[in-house]
N, C-alpha and C. Protein backbone atom coordinates (compact mmCIF):
# COMPACT_ATOMS: atom_id res chain seq x y z
N UNK A 1 91.02 106.54 106.06
CA UNK A 1 91.95 106.72 107.02
C UNK A 1 90.64 107.27 108.18
N UNK A 2 90.90 106.22 109.30
CA UNK A 2 89.91 106.19 110.37
C UNK A 2 89.86 107.45 111.31
N UNK A 3 91.03 107.64 111.38
CA UNK A 3 91.25 108.76 112.88
C UNK A 3 92.39 109.97 112.52
N UNK A 4 91.90 110.89 112.82
CA UNK A 4 93.27 112.04 112.60
C UNK A 4 93.12 112.81 113.86
N UNK A 5 94.17 112.86 114.32
CA UNK A 5 94.54 113.68 115.45
C UNK A 5 95.81 114.60 115.43
N UNK A 6 95.00 115.86 115.92
CA UNK A 6 96.14 116.85 115.52
C UNK A 6 96.77 117.05 117.17
N UNK A 7 98.39 117.15 117.13
CA UNK A 7 98.56 117.51 118.66
C UNK A 7 99.57 118.59 118.81
N UNK A 8 99.85 119.55 118.09
CA UNK A 8 100.43 120.61 118.37
C UNK A 8 99.52 121.69 119.09
N UNK A 9 99.93 122.77 120.37
CA UNK A 9 98.73 123.47 120.98
C UNK A 9 98.45 124.39 119.87
N UNK A 10 99.49 124.95 119.20
CA UNK A 10 99.26 126.00 117.98
C UNK A 10 98.00 125.28 116.85
N UNK A 11 97.67 124.04 116.99
CA UNK A 11 96.85 123.68 115.61
C UNK A 11 95.35 123.65 116.33
N UNK A 12 95.25 123.76 117.58
CA UNK A 12 93.84 123.50 118.52
C UNK A 12 92.93 124.56 117.84
N UNK A 13 93.16 125.93 117.22
CA UNK A 13 92.72 126.68 116.96
C UNK A 13 92.47 126.85 115.41
N UNK A 14 92.92 125.97 114.75
CA UNK A 14 93.25 125.94 113.19
C UNK A 14 92.03 125.19 112.84
N UNK A 15 91.41 125.38 111.53
CA UNK A 15 90.63 124.46 110.97
C UNK A 15 91.08 123.40 110.24
N UNK A 16 90.67 121.81 110.66
CA UNK A 16 91.27 120.85 109.99
C UNK A 16 90.96 120.74 108.59
N UNK A 17 91.72 120.11 107.48
CA UNK A 17 91.37 120.18 106.28
C UNK A 17 90.27 118.90 106.15
N UNK A 18 89.66 118.71 104.97
CA UNK A 18 88.63 117.86 104.96
C UNK A 18 89.49 116.47 104.80
N UNK A 19 89.39 115.48 105.17
CA UNK A 19 89.62 113.96 105.25
C UNK A 19 88.86 113.22 104.39
N UNK A 20 89.21 112.52 103.58
CA UNK A 20 88.49 111.26 102.93
C UNK A 20 87.89 110.61 104.15
N UNK A 21 86.78 110.02 103.61
CA UNK A 21 86.18 108.84 104.42
C UNK A 21 85.60 109.57 105.57
N UNK A 22 85.31 110.85 105.99
CA UNK A 22 85.04 111.17 107.32
C UNK A 22 85.68 110.79 108.64
N UNK A 23 86.94 110.25 108.62
CA UNK A 23 87.65 109.86 109.90
C UNK A 23 86.91 110.84 111.23
N UNK A 24 87.14 110.06 112.21
CA UNK A 24 87.13 110.74 113.52
C UNK A 24 88.13 111.67 113.88
N UNK A 25 88.00 112.86 114.60
CA UNK A 25 89.08 113.66 114.60
C UNK A 25 89.19 114.06 115.78
N UNK A 26 90.56 114.29 116.28
CA UNK A 26 90.21 114.78 117.79
C UNK A 26 91.73 115.55 118.05
N UNK A 27 91.77 116.73 118.99
CA UNK A 27 92.93 117.38 118.93
C UNK A 27 93.39 116.65 120.48
N UNK A 28 94.76 116.45 120.41
CA UNK A 28 95.34 116.23 121.69
C UNK A 28 96.56 117.39 121.85
N UNK A 29 96.45 118.34 122.35
CA UNK A 29 97.41 119.63 122.90
C UNK A 29 98.71 119.23 123.34
N UNK A 30 99.56 119.52 122.47
CA UNK A 30 101.02 119.10 123.76
C UNK A 30 102.00 120.25 123.28
N UNK A 31 102.67 120.74 124.21
CA UNK A 31 103.65 121.59 124.28
C UNK A 31 104.85 121.23 122.80
N UNK A 32 105.07 122.20 122.37
CA UNK A 32 105.91 122.05 120.93
C UNK A 32 107.13 122.21 121.55
N UNK A 33 107.88 120.90 121.36
CA UNK A 33 109.19 120.76 121.96
C UNK A 33 110.31 121.78 121.17
N UNK A 34 109.76 122.01 120.07
CA UNK A 34 110.81 122.87 118.74
C UNK A 34 110.90 123.98 119.53
N UNK A 35 110.20 124.75 120.58
CA UNK A 35 110.25 125.84 121.07
C UNK A 35 111.00 125.98 122.53
N UNK A 36 111.41 124.80 123.10
CA UNK A 36 112.23 124.99 123.80
C UNK A 36 113.58 125.32 124.05
N UNK A 37 113.84 126.43 124.51
CA UNK A 37 114.94 126.94 124.58
C UNK A 37 116.02 126.43 125.31
N UNK A 38 117.27 126.49 125.75
CA UNK A 38 118.08 126.14 126.80
C UNK A 38 119.65 125.35 125.81
N UNK A 39 120.05 124.52 126.98
CA UNK A 39 120.84 123.73 126.29
C UNK A 39 120.22 122.32 125.86
N UNK A 40 121.52 122.11 124.83
CA UNK A 40 121.29 120.78 124.32
C UNK A 40 120.52 119.74 124.65
N UNK A 41 120.86 119.40 126.06
CA UNK A 41 120.44 118.46 126.70
C UNK A 41 119.19 118.94 127.31
N UNK A 42 118.73 120.12 127.73
CA UNK A 42 117.38 120.43 127.64
C UNK A 42 116.56 120.37 126.93
N UNK A 43 116.66 120.72 125.68
CA UNK A 43 116.13 120.59 124.43
C UNK A 43 115.70 118.95 124.34
N UNK A 44 116.57 118.35 124.40
CA UNK A 44 116.58 116.79 124.08
C UNK A 44 115.40 116.24 125.38
N UNK A 45 115.56 116.84 126.46
CA UNK A 45 114.59 116.29 127.78
C UNK A 45 113.50 116.76 127.28
N UNK A 46 112.88 117.59 126.49
CA UNK A 46 111.84 118.26 126.29
C UNK A 46 111.15 117.44 125.30
N UNK A 47 111.83 117.08 124.57
CA UNK A 47 111.51 116.19 123.00
C UNK A 47 111.07 115.06 123.50
N UNK A 48 112.02 114.20 124.71
CA UNK A 48 111.86 113.05 125.15
C UNK A 48 110.38 112.99 126.30
N UNK A 49 110.32 114.03 126.78
CA UNK A 49 109.35 114.17 127.56
C UNK A 49 107.83 114.15 126.85
N UNK A 50 107.64 114.87 125.71
CA UNK A 50 106.63 114.75 125.01
C UNK A 50 106.25 113.59 124.10
N UNK A 51 107.58 113.12 123.61
CA UNK A 51 107.53 111.80 122.86
C UNK A 51 106.73 110.90 124.02
N UNK A 52 107.07 110.92 124.91
CA UNK A 52 106.72 109.75 126.21
C UNK A 52 105.06 110.02 126.50
N UNK A 53 104.87 111.51 126.51
CA UNK A 53 103.19 111.54 126.73
C UNK A 53 102.38 111.23 125.35
N UNK A 54 102.97 111.52 124.40
CA UNK A 54 102.17 111.01 123.07
C UNK A 54 102.15 109.38 123.03
N UNK A 55 103.06 108.89 123.36
CA UNK A 55 103.14 107.08 123.45
C UNK A 55 102.11 106.64 124.39
N UNK A 56 102.23 107.28 125.54
CA UNK A 56 101.13 106.68 125.94
C UNK A 56 99.96 106.82 126.15
N UNK A 57 99.24 107.92 125.27
CA UNK A 57 98.08 108.52 124.66
C UNK A 57 98.03 107.23 123.65
N UNK A 58 98.67 107.07 123.09
CA UNK A 58 98.58 106.03 121.87
C UNK A 58 98.28 104.90 122.32
N UNK A 59 99.15 104.41 123.35
CA UNK A 59 98.83 102.96 124.13
C UNK A 59 97.75 102.74 124.56
N UNK A 60 96.98 104.11 125.08
CA UNK A 60 95.56 103.89 125.80
C UNK A 60 94.53 103.95 124.77
N UNK A 61 94.92 104.33 123.72
CA UNK A 61 93.98 104.57 122.70
C UNK A 61 93.96 103.01 122.07
N UNK A 62 95.07 102.44 122.11
CA UNK A 62 95.26 101.05 121.26
C UNK A 62 94.67 100.03 122.41
N UNK A 63 94.45 100.37 123.52
CA UNK A 63 93.83 99.32 124.36
C UNK A 63 92.01 99.42 124.60
N UNK A 64 91.90 100.42 123.86
CA UNK A 64 90.27 100.68 123.96
C UNK A 64 89.73 99.71 122.89
N UNK A 65 88.26 98.96 123.56
CA UNK A 65 87.62 97.76 122.63
C UNK A 65 86.93 98.62 121.53
N UNK A 66 87.77 99.19 120.42
CA UNK A 66 87.31 99.92 119.25
C UNK A 66 86.27 99.20 118.64
N UNK A 67 85.86 97.66 118.63
CA UNK A 67 85.33 96.79 117.86
C UNK A 67 83.88 96.88 118.72
N UNK A 68 83.84 97.17 119.72
CA UNK A 68 82.41 97.55 120.75
C UNK A 68 81.93 98.61 120.80
N UNK A 69 82.75 99.83 120.57
CA UNK A 69 82.42 101.30 120.83
C UNK A 69 81.72 101.67 119.42
N UNK A 70 80.57 102.47 119.43
CA UNK A 70 80.20 103.47 118.40
C UNK A 70 80.98 104.62 118.12
N UNK A 71 80.71 104.89 116.98
CA UNK A 71 81.63 106.15 116.37
C UNK A 71 81.39 107.41 117.59
N UNK A 72 79.99 107.65 118.18
CA UNK A 72 80.00 108.53 119.02
C UNK A 72 81.09 108.37 120.22
N UNK A 73 81.17 107.03 120.77
CA UNK A 73 81.95 106.71 121.69
C UNK A 73 83.35 106.65 121.86
N UNK A 74 83.81 106.39 120.47
CA UNK A 74 85.20 106.31 120.56
C UNK A 74 85.94 108.22 120.42
N UNK A 75 84.67 109.08 119.59
CA UNK A 75 84.79 110.27 119.62
C UNK A 75 85.21 110.66 121.00
N UNK A 76 84.19 110.50 122.15
CA UNK A 76 84.33 110.55 123.16
C UNK A 76 85.47 110.18 123.99
N UNK A 77 85.85 109.15 123.89
CA UNK A 77 87.00 108.45 124.15
C UNK A 77 88.55 109.46 123.83
N UNK A 78 88.82 109.75 122.61
CA UNK A 78 89.33 110.52 121.78
C UNK A 78 89.70 111.76 122.55
N UNK A 79 88.59 112.24 122.80
CA UNK A 79 88.48 113.64 123.49
C UNK A 79 88.85 113.63 124.36
N UNK A 80 88.32 112.75 125.66
CA UNK A 80 88.93 112.32 126.95
C UNK A 80 90.54 112.28 127.09
N UNK A 81 91.22 111.41 126.11
CA UNK A 81 92.54 111.29 125.71
C UNK A 81 93.04 112.60 125.86
N UNK A 82 92.67 113.53 125.03
CA UNK A 82 93.01 114.97 124.75
C UNK A 82 92.92 115.61 125.92
N UNK A 83 92.11 115.73 126.21
CA UNK A 83 91.53 116.43 128.07
C UNK A 83 92.86 115.98 128.81
N UNK A 84 93.30 114.79 128.83
CA UNK A 84 94.25 114.32 129.67
C UNK A 84 95.75 114.74 129.28
N UNK A 85 95.62 114.81 128.01
CA UNK A 85 96.76 115.41 127.57
C UNK A 85 97.19 116.98 127.70
N UNK A 86 96.08 117.62 127.55
CA UNK A 86 96.43 118.87 127.87
C UNK A 86 96.40 119.46 129.32
N UNK A 87 95.91 118.78 130.13
CA UNK A 87 96.05 118.73 131.69
C UNK A 87 97.50 118.05 132.04
N UNK A 88 97.84 116.94 131.54
CA UNK A 88 99.45 116.72 132.09
C UNK A 88 100.42 117.98 131.50
N UNK A 89 99.88 118.66 130.18
CA UNK A 89 100.65 119.20 129.91
C UNK A 89 101.02 120.79 130.30
N UNK A 90 99.82 120.77 131.18
CA UNK A 90 99.77 122.20 131.92
C UNK A 90 99.88 122.13 133.21
N UNK A 91 100.02 121.28 133.64
CA UNK A 91 100.29 120.89 135.17
C UNK A 91 102.10 120.75 135.56
N UNK A 92 102.51 120.11 134.28
CA UNK A 92 103.73 119.62 134.45
C UNK A 92 104.51 120.85 133.96
N UNK A 93 104.30 121.84 133.38
CA UNK A 93 104.90 122.83 133.07
C UNK A 93 105.62 123.91 133.97
């Protein structure tokens, strides 16, 4: 594995297991949509919202020029994307 990215807000404080090959790790905290209460439509809306947020971050990550970045620069970019994810989920709540 080259990258390990945790997504759940509750995983932020947990220690990640050791991964073979020393992948670059990052945390992109998103609100857990399974914790949503409300109607079935509201719950589905929360899952859709988080799905779109994650998909957007992945698209941005995939557009990075990874071949020209060193490991430290890639880590910074992953962390920056995680910061954007956290900011987006807290301002949209």
